[in-house]
Protein backbone atom coordinates (compact mmCIF):
# COMPACT_ATOMS: atom_id res chain seq x y z
CA MET A 1 -54.79 30.18 61.75
CA LYS A 2 -56.27 27.78 59.59
CA ILE A 3 -53.19 27.57 57.61
CA LEU A 4 -51.24 26.38 60.06
CA GLU A 5 -53.95 23.81 60.64
CA MET A 6 -53.50 23.03 57.47
CA ALA A 7 -49.44 22.86 57.73
CA HIS A 8 -49.68 20.44 61.16
CA GLY A 9 -51.50 18.23 59.47
CA ILE A 10 -49.43 17.52 56.06
CA ILE A 11 -46.11 17.40 58.64
CA TRP A 12 -47.42 15.53 60.61
CA GLY A 13 -49.93 13.15 59.55
CA PRO A 14 -50.50 9.61 59.66
CA TRP A 15 -47.50 9.27 57.01
CA THR A 16 -45.38 10.09 59.04
CA VAL A 17 -44.70 7.54 61.75
CA GLY A 18 -43.79 5.35 58.41
CA ILE A 19 -41.04 7.71 57.33
CA PHE A 20 -39.61 7.66 60.42
CA LEU A 21 -39.86 4.03 60.28
CA ILE A 22 -37.85 4.12 57.10
CA VAL A 23 -34.91 6.32 58.35
CA GLY A 24 -34.68 4.71 61.20
CA LEU A 25 -34.30 1.64 58.85
CA VAL A 26 -32.13 2.54 56.14
CA LEU A 27 -29.93 4.62 58.79
CA SER A 28 -29.36 0.75 60.81
CA VAL A 29 -28.72 -1.06 57.54
CA ARG A 30 -26.32 1.45 56.04
CA CYS A 31 -24.76 1.87 60.03
CA HIS A 32 -24.24 -2.40 60.41
CA PHE A 33 -27.39 -2.21 63.25
CA PHE A 34 -24.31 -1.28 65.23
CA GLN A 35 -27.08 0.53 67.87
CA ILE A 36 -27.84 -3.46 68.08
CA LEU A 37 -24.72 -5.07 67.41
CA GLY A 38 -22.43 -2.68 69.25
CA PHE A 39 -24.66 -3.76 72.77
CA LYS A 40 -21.67 -4.92 74.35
CA TYR A 41 -18.95 -2.32 73.73
CA TRP A 42 -21.74 0.31 75.00
CA TRP A 43 -22.35 -1.89 78.06
CA LYS A 44 -18.56 -1.97 78.60
CA SER A 45 -18.13 2.30 77.56
CA THR A 46 -20.60 3.10 79.75
CA TRP A 47 -22.12 0.94 82.78
CA GLY A 48 -19.18 -1.71 82.86
CA SER A 49 -16.61 1.23 83.19
CA LEU A 50 -17.79 1.53 86.29
CA TRP A 51 -15.85 -0.49 87.72
CA GLU A 52 -13.19 -1.02 85.84
CA HIS A 53 -12.02 2.10 87.15
CA GLY A 54 -12.30 1.94 90.90
CA TRP A 55 -15.94 1.90 91.89
CA GLY A 56 -16.10 -1.65 91.83
CA PRO A 57 -14.93 -4.47 94.40
CA ASP A 58 -11.57 -5.00 91.53
CA GLU A 59 -8.43 -3.92 93.51
CA LYS A 60 -6.40 -3.34 90.32
CA ALA A 61 -8.87 -1.11 88.93
CA ALA A 62 -8.77 0.87 92.30
CA GLU A 63 -5.06 1.43 91.55
CA ASN A 64 -5.47 2.99 88.16
CA ALA A 65 -9.24 5.59 88.87
CA GLY A 66 -6.78 8.29 89.18
CA HIS A 67 -5.63 8.34 85.38
CA HIS A 68 -9.26 8.47 83.85
CA GLY A 69 -12.13 11.25 83.82
CA ILE A 70 -12.72 14.68 82.49
CA THR A 71 -10.90 17.86 83.92
CA GLN A 72 -12.56 20.39 85.30
CA PHE A 73 -12.13 22.54 82.37
CA GLN A 74 -14.89 19.73 80.56
CA SER A 75 -16.84 19.03 83.57
CA VAL A 76 -18.14 22.97 83.49
CA CYS A 77 -18.42 23.16 79.87
CA THR A 78 -21.17 20.17 79.96
CA ALA A 79 -22.84 21.60 83.26
CA LEU A 80 -23.49 24.58 81.30
CA ALA A 81 -24.50 22.84 77.78
CA ALA A 82 -26.80 21.29 79.89
CA THR A 83 -27.76 24.71 81.34
CA VAL A 84 -27.66 25.94 78.12
CA GLY A 85 -30.06 23.37 76.44
CA THR A 86 -32.69 23.04 79.45
CA GLY A 87 -33.28 26.61 78.82
CA ASN A 88 -33.51 26.32 75.07
CA ILE A 89 -36.56 24.13 75.02
CA ALA A 90 -37.87 24.76 78.48
CA CYS A 91 -38.77 28.23 77.48
CA PHE A 92 -39.94 28.38 73.69
CA PRO A 93 -42.69 26.96 74.05
CA TYR A 94 -43.83 29.89 76.49
CA ALA A 95 -41.94 32.15 74.12
CA CYS A 96 -43.99 31.57 70.50
CA PRO A 97 -47.29 33.23 71.46
CA TYR A 98 -45.50 35.87 73.10
CA ARG A 99 -44.02 37.38 69.93
CA PRO A 100 -44.58 41.24 68.90
CA LYS A 101 -46.88 41.67 66.42
CA ALA A 102 -45.94 43.28 62.78
């Protein structure tokens, strides 16, 4: 147990936050601050697209609403991926302490 505490101290020390900030800054520079400069694109592609696809007051967009969306297969794959991912996240903390002893 002492080894795990030592590893925890090394990996999750106070300098970890600094490394995360530096990596975030480097990636932001390399991607030309897309998370800030691309906000208009994000908005148009997500929330703004709801109004363009017929869920808003625009009648012209309502006529084109049938031409957008995902297939049934894509919907099933998304639901399955979400279920498996949630199961992995939820069960991992419970499975670790109960591993068989050699």
